[in-house]
Amino acid sequence: MKETIGRRVGLEFGGLPAKSGKQDLRRRNLLLLLHYIQSEGPASQAELARRTRLSPATVSGILQPLIESRILVEEGKSSTGLGRRASILAFNSRIAVIAGVCIDLEECEVALVDLSGRVLDKACARYPRYTEPNEVVELAAGCLSTLEARNSLDRSSVAGAGVAIPGLINSRTGLVQVASNLGWVNVQLRALFEQRLGVPVRVEHLGRAKAQAEAIWGKGKNHRNFVCLEIGSGIGAGVVAQGRILRGAGGIGGEVGHIPIDPAGPVCACGLKGCWEVFCAGPAIRKRLAQRLGGDNVPASMLNPLSTLRDLNAAYRQGDQVAAGVIEESAQYLVRGLVGVIWSFDPEFVILTGPVVNDCPGLIDAAKTIMGGLTGNARSFDIPLILESHHAGTGVVAASAAVSLRYLEEFASTDQPPSARFLSAR
């Protein structure tokens, strides 16, 4: 167990240097304990010792200063064992909480998330599509202020903010290179948020953020090679390879939706023809439905050109012929891209997430059927396609993941609350 947890500590940020000094060993053990509480939730010192294979005396010696400084607080008593019940320790959300911000086409959601990934409270704001970035930032800031007031917190309790957004996102610089469905180009989103919120900010691609959250809190725990595929207004992926998020030379790795699968296909917002997402992202599926309904000799259908993906899924389940045609054609295109993803990254499994997955599960069922029938000389393509975790798959929790992980690493390396610029190093 200790080895497994230790490997998970290294996810994304690389953990602490492998040195042999007593102080370095103590810091590595501190990070091990903090990460266990982060990923598994509140625990007693006895459970922490058992799970990490550290001695009870070592655990007590490391955690006692954190208890005295109120960084860790008691959250109830253990219900197991004989004799005196042990205290359950949790992160103090009055001292350090992360603002998780998820930006979508017409809505931003903001949540207060503790270092264990628990949502303490959340609020949202709606806006017209193609709203300017500074206006969205202002709305998100208003949501955060509302949450702080509602929970009697001041801004000093917010350790940082994580912002998850679809598009070409350079997470190292916080630059939104292109978010075509929002109409944003070359937006310094991290700078806008930091100026407005006054806290360190990390901007991340939604798919990569969800992969990070799945690795810490969800179905990716204890797995070192998987893909988290986000299917919504576009298609993006968070790729975990050998326990690390794959970012690439320019920090935009995982933009699998822009892999061309048909050079004769429609022009994508990226400028290329026939990208994967122009065939099976949400807008493409709705367009396919409208085209089928507008064709000749259309069978009687319960659908219309304004039907939602949920309507499409319901009609498909009821045997509607138009819905079946749309789903089956979309699934064929979805599988084309999935085959490329499997060949490219050789994942243990693919976690499927996003509005299309949630609103139209019939599409995923159809894709699974097709994948199960594929055969090749080199490999099988019948790998697990699994749905996102109920908790880790939410945008606000995903947005907080990298921030909380970085915060704990910085804390363990210094034994002090991180400085205001703790996110900027990487």
Protein backbone atom coordinates (compact mmCIF):
# COMPACT_ATOMS: atom_id res chain seq x y z
CA MET A 1 0.00 0.00 0.00
CA LYS A 2 2.80 2.43 0.89
CA GLU A 3 4.40 1.90 -2.50
CA THR A 4 1.09 2.48 -4.29
CA ILE A 5 0.35 5.67 -2.35
CA GLY A 6 3.91 6.83 -2.91
CA ARG A 7 3.54 6.44 -6.65
CA ARG A 8 0.30 8.43 -6.57
CA VAL A 9 2.08 11.24 -4.71
CA GLY A 10 4.33 11.62 -7.75
CA LEU A 11 1.41 12.08 -10.13
CA GLU A 12 1.81 15.34 -12.04
CA PHE A 13 4.28 17.21 -9.85
CA GLY A 14 6.88 14.57 -9.22
CA GLY A 15 6.78 14.56 -5.43
CA LEU A 16 9.79 15.51 -3.36
CA PRO A 17 13.42 14.82 -4.26
CA ALA A 18 14.55 11.32 -3.32
CA LYS A 19 17.20 12.31 -0.74
CA SER A 20 18.42 10.36 2.25
CA GLY A 21 18.61 13.02 4.99
CA LYS A 22 16.33 12.76 8.03
CA GLN A 23 14.61 16.04 7.21
CA ASP A 24 13.95 14.94 3.63
CA LEU A 25 12.63 11.58 4.85
CA ARG A 26 10.30 13.37 7.24
CA ARG A 27 9.01 15.59 4.45
CA ARG A 28 8.40 12.64 2.18
CA ASN A 29 6.49 10.88 4.94
CA LEU A 30 4.51 14.05 5.60
CA LEU A 31 3.54 14.24 1.94
CA LEU A 32 2.60 10.55 2.03
CA LEU A 33 0.25 11.16 4.97
CA LEU A 34 -1.22 14.35 3.54
CA HIS A 35 -1.84 12.69 0.21
CA TYR A 36 -3.61 9.78 1.87
CA ILE A 37 -6.00 12.16 3.63
CA GLN A 38 -6.40 14.05 0.36
CA SER A 39 -7.28 11.00 -1.74
CA GLU A 40 -9.04 8.78 0.81
CA GLY A 41 -10.62 11.41 3.06
CA PRO A 42 -10.55 11.87 6.85
CA ALA A 43 -8.77 9.12 8.79
CA SER A 44 -7.50 8.29 12.26
CA GLN A 45 -3.80 8.21 13.04
CA ALA A 46 -4.03 4.45 13.54
CA GLU A 47 -5.55 4.01 10.09
CA LEU A 48 -2.90 6.27 8.55
CA ALA A 49 -0.16 4.20 10.17
CA ARG A 50 -1.73 0.97 8.94
CA ARG A 51 -2.31 2.19 5.41
CA THR A 52 1.06 3.88 4.89
CA ARG A 53 3.05 1.27 6.89
CA LEU A 54 4.64 4.01 8.96
CA SER A 55 4.98 3.43 12.68
CA PRO A 56 2.30 4.97 14.93
CA ALA A 57 5.02 7.02 16.65
CA THR A 58 6.21 8.39 13.30
CA VAL A 59 2.67 9.31 12.27
CA SER A 60 2.00 11.00 15.59
CA GLY A 61 5.27 12.92 15.53
CA ILE A 62 4.62 14.21 12.01
CA LEU A 63 0.96 15.12 12.45
CA GLN A 64 0.94 16.56 15.97
CA PRO A 65 2.28 19.98 14.88
CA LEU A 66 -0.42 20.12 12.18
CA ILE A 67 -3.08 19.36 14.79
CA GLU A 68 -1.72 22.02 17.15
CA SER A 69 -1.71 24.62 14.36
CA ARG A 70 -5.27 23.61 13.36
CA ILE A 71 -4.28 22.62 9.83
CA LEU A 72 -5.76 19.23 10.68
CA VAL A 73 -8.86 19.10 12.88
CA GLU A 74 -10.90 16.38 14.51
CA GLU A 75 -13.95 15.36 12.52
CA GLY A 76 -15.75 12.86 14.70
CA LYS A 77 -14.59 9.63 16.31
CA SER A 78 -13.81 6.23 14.88
CA SER A 79 -16.65 3.71 15.17
CA THR A 80 -14.38 0.67 15.02
CA GLY A 81 -12.12 -1.01 17.53
CA LEU A 82 -12.31 -1.52 21.28
CA GLY A 83 -11.66 0.95 24.06
CA ARG A 84 -11.22 4.67 23.53
CA ARG A 85 -12.38 5.72 20.07
CA ALA A 86 -9.74 7.40 17.92
CA SER A 87 -10.13 10.91 16.52
CA ILE A 88 -10.79 11.19 12.79
CA LEU A 89 -8.53 13.85 11.27
CA ALA A 90 -9.51 16.06 8.35
CA PHE A 91 -8.18 19.16 6.64
CA ASN A 92 -9.42 22.38 8.23
CA SER A 93 -11.50 24.10 5.54
CA ARG A 94 -11.39 27.33 7.56
CA ILE A 95 -7.65 27.60 6.84
CA ALA A 96 -7.24 26.29 3.29
CA VAL A 97 -9.97 25.81 0.70
CA ILE A 98 -9.72 25.74 -3.10
CA ALA A 99 -12.02 27.66 -5.39
CA GLY A 100 -12.95 25.31 -8.22
CA VAL A 101 -14.22 27.13 -11.33
CA CYS A 102 -15.66 25.30 -14.34
CA ILE A 103 -16.38 27.43 -17.40
CA ASP A 104 -18.84 26.15 -20.00
CA LEU A 105 -20.44 27.73 -23.06
CA GLU A 106 -23.23 29.53 -21.23
CA GLU A 107 -22.57 28.90 -17.55
CA CYS A 108 -19.77 29.00 -15.02
CA GLU A 109 -19.94 27.04 -11.79
CA VAL A 110 -17.84 27.93 -8.75
CA ALA A 111 -17.38 25.77 -5.66
CA LEU A 112 -15.49 25.81 -2.41
CA VAL A 113 -13.60 22.50 -2.38
CA ASP A 114 -11.50 21.30 0.54
CA LEU A 115 -8.13 19.63 0.14
CA SER A 116 -9.80 16.20 0.18
CA GLY A 117 -11.93 17.12 -2.83
CA ARG A 118 -15.15 17.58 -0.86
CA VAL A 119 -17.49 20.28 -2.17
CA LEU A 120 -18.44 22.54 0.73
CA ASP A 121 -20.74 24.82 -1.24
CA LYS A 122 -21.27 25.94 -4.83
CA ALA A 123 -22.94 28.61 -6.94
CA CYS A 124 -23.35 29.26 -10.66
CA ALA A 125 -23.91 32.12 -13.07
CA ARG A 126 -25.38 32.01 -16.56
CA TYR A 127 -24.47 34.25 -19.50
CA PRO A 128 -25.07 34.45 -23.25
CA ARG A 129 -22.82 32.41 -25.47
CA TYR A 130 -19.69 34.26 -26.67
CA THR A 131 -19.61 36.48 -23.58
CA GLU A 132 -16.26 38.28 -23.23
CA PRO A 133 -13.66 36.63 -20.95
CA ASN A 134 -13.45 39.54 -18.50
CA GLU A 135 -17.22 39.41 -18.01
CA VAL A 136 -17.11 35.69 -17.26
CA VAL A 137 -14.28 36.27 -14.80
CA GLU A 138 -16.35 38.96 -13.10
CA LEU A 139 -19.34 36.61 -12.81
CA ALA A 140 -17.16 33.85 -11.37
CA ALA A 141 -15.69 36.30 -8.87
CA GLY A 142 -19.20 37.28 -7.84
CA CYS A 143 -20.05 33.61 -7.25
CA LEU A 144 -16.96 33.19 -5.09
CA SER A 145 -17.83 36.26 -3.03
CA THR A 146 -21.32 34.87 -2.50
CA LEU A 147 -19.91 31.55 -1.31
CA GLU A 148 -17.47 33.24 1.04
CA ALA A 149 -20.23 35.33 2.60
CA ARG A 150 -22.56 32.35 2.87
CA ASN A 151 -19.89 30.31 4.66
CA SER A 152 -18.43 33.15 6.76
CA LEU A 153 -15.02 32.90 5.08
CA ASP A 154 -12.70 35.66 3.99
CA ARG A 155 -10.41 35.59 0.95
CA SER A 156 -7.38 34.66 3.08
CA SER A 157 -8.96 31.22 3.58
CA VAL A 158 -8.83 30.57 -0.19
CA ALA A 159 -5.49 28.92 -0.91
CA GLY A 160 -5.89 29.16 -4.67
CA ALA A 161 -8.27 28.76 -7.57
CA GLY A 162 -8.39 26.12 -10.25
CA VAL A 163 -10.14 26.97 -13.52
CA ALA A 164 -11.20 24.19 -15.91
CA ILE A 165 -12.26 25.10 -19.43
CA PRO A 166 -12.58 23.33 -22.81
CA GLY A 167 -10.28 24.43 -25.62
CA LEU A 168 -6.59 24.69 -26.46
CA ILE A 169 -5.23 25.52 -23.02
CA ASN A 170 -1.58 25.96 -22.07
CA SER A 171 -1.70 25.10 -18.38
CA ARG A 172 1.88 26.21 -17.82
CA THR A 173 1.14 29.81 -18.78
CA GLY A 174 -2.60 29.98 -18.18
CA LEU A 175 -3.15 31.02 -21.80
CA VAL A 176 -6.35 30.05 -23.57
CA GLN A 177 -5.00 29.80 -27.10
CA VAL A 178 -8.35 28.94 -28.65
CA ALA A 179 -11.70 28.14 -27.08
CA SER A 180 -13.66 28.17 -30.32
CA ASN A 181 -17.03 27.31 -28.82
CA LEU A 182 -16.68 30.25 -26.45
CA GLY A 183 -15.29 32.54 -29.16
CA TRP A 184 -12.07 33.17 -27.20
CA VAL A 185 -8.63 33.49 -28.81
CA ASN A 186 -5.32 34.20 -27.03
CA VAL A 187 -6.85 35.04 -23.65
CA GLN A 188 -4.50 35.34 -20.67
CA LEU A 189 -7.11 33.78 -18.42
CA ARG A 190 -4.83 33.09 -15.47
CA ALA A 191 -3.76 36.74 -15.34
CA LEU A 192 -7.38 37.91 -15.50
CA PHE A 193 -8.43 35.63 -12.65
CA GLU A 194 -5.40 36.39 -10.47
CA GLN A 195 -5.91 40.12 -10.87
CA ARG A 196 -9.57 39.85 -9.96
CA LEU A 197 -9.40 37.22 -7.18
CA GLY A 198 -6.06 38.06 -5.59
CA VAL A 199 -5.12 34.38 -5.17
CA PRO A 200 -2.85 32.07 -7.20
CA VAL A 201 -4.69 30.50 -10.12
CA ARG A 202 -4.17 27.42 -12.27
CA VAL A 203 -6.00 27.21 -15.62
CA GLU A 204 -6.42 23.72 -17.03
CA HIS A 205 -8.03 21.97 -19.95
CA LEU A 206 -11.22 20.30 -18.73
CA GLY A 207 -10.23 16.82 -19.91
CA ARG A 208 -6.82 16.99 -18.24
CA ALA A 209 -8.38 18.36 -15.07
CA LYS A 210 -10.82 15.46 -14.95
CA ALA A 211 -8.02 12.95 -15.53
CA GLN A 212 -6.17 14.47 -12.58
CA ALA A 213 -9.25 14.26 -10.37
CA GLU A 214 -9.96 10.67 -11.42
CA ALA A 215 -6.36 9.77 -10.53
CA ILE A 216 -6.67 11.29 -7.04
CA TRP A 217 -10.29 10.61 -6.08
CA GLY A 218 -11.95 8.50 -8.74
CA LYS A 219 -11.68 5.45 -10.94
CA GLY A 220 -8.08 6.19 -11.91
CA LYS A 221 -6.72 5.61 -8.39
CA ASN A 222 -3.95 2.97 -8.37
CA HIS A 223 -3.76 3.04 -12.19
CA ARG A 224 -0.87 4.58 -14.11
CA ASN A 225 -2.08 4.45 -17.71
CA PHE A 226 -5.55 5.59 -18.70
CA VAL A 227 -7.33 8.19 -20.81
CA CYS A 228 -10.12 10.47 -19.63
CA LEU A 229 -12.13 11.46 -22.71
CA GLU A 230 -14.32 14.56 -22.43
CA ILE A 231 -17.08 14.72 -25.06
CA GLY A 232 -19.15 17.88 -25.08
CA SER A 233 -19.14 20.82 -27.45
CA GLY A 234 -15.78 19.42 -28.56
CA ILE A 235 -13.61 16.41 -27.71
CA GLY A 236 -10.54 16.56 -25.51
CA ALA A 237 -8.60 14.11 -23.41
CA GLY A 238 -6.53 13.91 -20.30
CA VAL A 239 -3.90 11.23 -20.84
CA VAL A 240 -2.22 9.64 -17.83
CA ALA A 241 0.94 7.86 -18.94
CA GLN A 242 3.16 6.14 -16.38
CA GLY A 243 1.41 8.06 -13.60
CA ARG A 244 1.80 11.54 -15.09
CA ILE A 245 -0.47 13.83 -17.02
CA LEU A 246 0.76 14.06 -20.61
CA ARG A 247 1.12 17.72 -21.56
CA GLY A 248 3.47 17.81 -24.53
CA ALA A 249 6.05 20.40 -25.57
CA GLY A 250 3.56 23.25 -25.78
CA GLY A 251 1.43 22.28 -22.79
CA ILE A 252 -1.58 21.38 -24.95
CA GLY A 253 -1.27 17.59 -25.13
CA GLY A 254 -4.51 15.64 -25.28
CA GLU A 255 -6.33 17.60 -27.99
CA VAL A 256 -7.43 14.38 -29.64
CA GLY A 257 -10.61 15.98 -30.97
CA HIS A 258 -8.50 17.65 -33.65
CA ILE A 259 -7.08 14.43 -35.05
CA PRO A 260 -8.34 14.24 -38.66
CA ILE A 261 -10.27 11.03 -39.26
CA ASP A 262 -11.72 11.96 -42.68
CA PRO A 263 -9.85 14.44 -44.91
CA ALA A 264 -13.04 14.92 -46.94
CA GLY A 265 -15.03 15.93 -43.86
CA PRO A 266 -16.27 19.35 -42.78
CA VAL A 267 -13.91 22.14 -41.78
CA CYS A 268 -13.24 22.24 -38.05
CA ALA A 269 -12.92 25.41 -35.96
CA CYS A 270 -9.18 24.66 -35.78
CA GLY A 271 -8.91 25.13 -39.55
CA LEU A 272 -8.34 21.50 -40.53
CA LYS A 273 -10.84 19.28 -42.33
CA GLY A 274 -12.52 16.22 -40.91
CA CYS A 275 -11.41 16.42 -37.28
CA TRP A 276 -12.83 13.80 -34.94
CA GLU A 277 -15.01 16.28 -33.04
CA VAL A 278 -16.82 17.56 -36.14
CA PHE A 279 -18.36 14.10 -36.45
CA CYS A 280 -19.36 13.11 -32.93
CA ALA A 281 -19.18 16.03 -30.51
CA GLY A 282 -22.51 17.43 -29.31
CA PRO A 283 -23.05 20.01 -32.10
CA ALA A 284 -22.20 17.40 -34.75
CA ILE A 285 -24.75 14.92 -33.39
CA ARG A 286 -27.49 17.55 -33.25
CA LYS A 287 -26.63 18.63 -36.81
CA ARG A 288 -26.83 15.01 -37.99
CA LEU A 289 -30.28 14.72 -36.42
CA ALA A 290 -31.52 17.88 -38.15
CA GLN A 291 -30.20 16.65 -41.50
CA ARG A 292 -31.93 13.29 -41.16
CA LEU A 293 -35.20 14.91 -40.20
CA GLY A 294 -34.93 17.23 -43.20
CA GLY A 295 -34.25 14.46 -45.71
CA ASP A 296 -36.62 12.64 -48.05
CA ASN A 297 -38.79 9.71 -46.96
CA VAL A 298 -38.11 10.28 -43.27
CA PRO A 299 -39.76 7.63 -41.04
CA ALA A 300 -42.21 8.85 -38.47
CA SER A 301 -40.25 10.10 -35.47
CA MET A 302 -40.87 11.50 -32.00
CA LEU A 303 -37.97 13.91 -32.58
CA ASN A 304 -37.70 17.38 -34.15
CA PRO A 305 -34.76 19.63 -35.15
CA LEU A 306 -34.77 21.25 -31.69
CA SER A 307 -34.64 17.96 -29.78
CA THR A 308 -31.90 17.66 -27.16
CA LEU A 309 -29.42 14.84 -26.78
CA ARG A 310 -31.53 13.54 -23.92
CA ASP A 311 -34.54 13.49 -26.24
CA LEU A 312 -32.45 11.63 -28.80
CA ASN A 313 -31.37 9.06 -26.23
CA ALA A 314 -34.94 8.51 -25.02
CA ALA A 315 -36.17 8.04 -28.59
CA TYR A 316 -33.33 5.60 -29.29
CA ARG A 317 -34.30 3.53 -26.27
CA GLN A 318 -37.87 3.41 -27.56
CA GLY A 319 -36.82 2.14 -30.99
CA ASP A 320 -37.24 5.38 -32.96
CA GLN A 321 -35.73 4.75 -36.42
CA VAL A 322 -34.39 8.28 -36.91
CA ALA A 323 -32.75 8.21 -33.49
CA ALA A 324 -31.24 4.80 -34.23
CA GLY A 325 -29.73 6.07 -37.46
CA VAL A 326 -28.21 9.13 -35.78
CA ILE A 327 -26.83 7.13 -32.85
CA GLU A 328 -25.38 4.35 -34.96
CA GLU A 329 -23.67 6.70 -37.43
CA SER A 330 -22.28 8.83 -34.60
CA ALA A 331 -21.02 5.70 -32.84
CA GLN A 332 -19.12 4.64 -35.96
CA TYR A 333 -17.26 7.96 -35.94
CA LEU A 334 -16.71 7.77 -32.19
CA VAL A 335 -15.08 4.36 -32.60
CA ARG A 336 -12.76 5.63 -35.35
CA GLY A 337 -11.27 8.11 -32.93
CA LEU A 338 -11.21 5.66 -30.03
CA VAL A 339 -9.17 3.22 -32.08
CA GLY A 340 -6.63 5.99 -32.67
CA VAL A 341 -6.53 6.84 -28.98
CA ILE A 342 -5.99 3.18 -28.05
CA TRP A 343 -3.19 2.73 -30.57
CA SER A 344 -1.53 5.98 -29.53
CA PHE A 345 -1.60 5.65 -25.74
CA ASP A 346 -2.27 1.95 -25.00
CA PRO A 347 -4.45 2.72 -21.95
CA GLU A 348 -5.71 0.22 -19.40
CA PHE A 349 -9.17 1.75 -19.88
CA VAL A 350 -10.88 4.90 -21.14
CA ILE A 351 -12.98 6.99 -18.78
CA LEU A 352 -15.80 8.70 -20.67
CA THR A 353 -17.09 12.02 -19.39
CA GLY A 354 -18.87 15.16 -20.52
CA PRO A 355 -22.37 16.27 -21.53
CA VAL A 356 -22.67 13.93 -24.51
CA VAL A 357 -21.76 10.92 -22.37
CA ASN A 358 -24.18 11.92 -19.61
CA ASP A 359 -27.08 12.94 -21.85
CA CYS A 360 -26.78 10.23 -24.48
CA PRO A 361 -25.55 6.95 -22.94
CA GLY A 362 -27.09 5.06 -25.86
CA LEU A 363 -24.24 6.41 -28.00
CA ILE A 364 -21.70 4.84 -25.63
CA ASP A 365 -23.56 1.52 -25.65
CA ALA A 366 -23.55 1.50 -29.45
CA ALA A 367 -19.82 2.33 -29.52
CA LYS A 368 -19.07 -0.49 -27.06
CA THR A 369 -20.88 -2.96 -29.32
CA ILE A 370 -18.81 -1.88 -32.31
CA MET A 371 -15.55 -1.94 -30.34
CA GLY A 372 -16.29 -5.45 -29.12
CA GLY A 373 -16.52 -6.66 -32.70
CA LEU A 374 -13.22 -5.19 -33.88
CA THR A 375 -10.40 -7.65 -34.47
CA GLY A 376 -6.79 -7.12 -35.43
CA ASN A 377 -3.60 -9.12 -35.69
CA ALA A 378 -1.71 -6.97 -33.19
CA ARG A 379 -4.20 -6.26 -30.40
CA SER A 380 -7.75 -6.33 -29.14
CA PHE A 381 -9.77 -3.13 -28.99
CA ASP A 382 -12.25 -4.45 -26.50
CA ILE A 383 -10.79 -2.45 -23.63
CA PRO A 384 -13.06 -1.14 -20.85
CA LEU A 385 -14.98 2.05 -21.65
CA ILE A 386 -16.16 3.23 -18.25
CA LEU A 387 -18.21 6.20 -17.11
CA GLU A 388 -16.77 9.01 -15.03
CA SER A 389 -16.83 8.92 -11.25
CA HIS A 390 -19.87 10.57 -9.75
CA HIS A 391 -17.71 12.88 -7.66
CA ALA A 392 -14.35 13.25 -9.42
CA GLY A 393 -16.06 13.74 -12.77
CA THR A 394 -17.64 17.05 -11.76
CA GLY A 395 -16.03 20.10 -13.31
CA VAL A 396 -15.50 22.10 -10.11
CA VAL A 397 -13.83 19.19 -8.30
CA ALA A 398 -11.67 18.51 -11.34
CA ALA A 399 -10.68 22.17 -11.48
CA SER A 400 -9.46 22.02 -7.88
CA ALA A 401 -7.38 18.85 -8.27
CA ALA A 402 -4.05 20.20 -9.50
CA VAL A 403 -4.21 23.16 -7.12
CA SER A 404 -4.75 21.04 -4.01
CA LEU A 405 -2.06 18.57 -5.07
CA ARG A 406 0.46 21.37 -5.63
CA TYR A 407 -0.51 23.03 -2.35
CA LEU A 408 0.17 19.87 -0.35
CA GLU A 409 3.47 19.25 -2.10
CA GLU A 410 4.61 22.78 -1.35
CA PHE A 411 3.44 22.48 2.24
CA ALA A 412 5.35 19.22 2.74
CA SER A 413 8.54 20.68 1.27
CA THR A 414 8.58 23.71 3.59
CA ASP A 415 6.48 22.75 6.65
CA GLN A 416 4.78 26.09 6.15
CA PRO A 417 1.62 27.22 4.35
CA PRO A 418 2.61 27.86 0.71
CA SER A 419 3.49 31.33 -0.45
CA ALA A 420 1.09 33.31 -2.61
CA ARG A 421 2.91 32.23 -5.76
CA PHE A 422 3.08 28.48 -5.05
CA LEU A 423 1.35 27.59 -8.35
CA SER A 424 3.62 29.56 -10.63
CA ALA A 425 6.66 27.28 -10.36
CA ARG A 426 5.29 24.62 -12.72
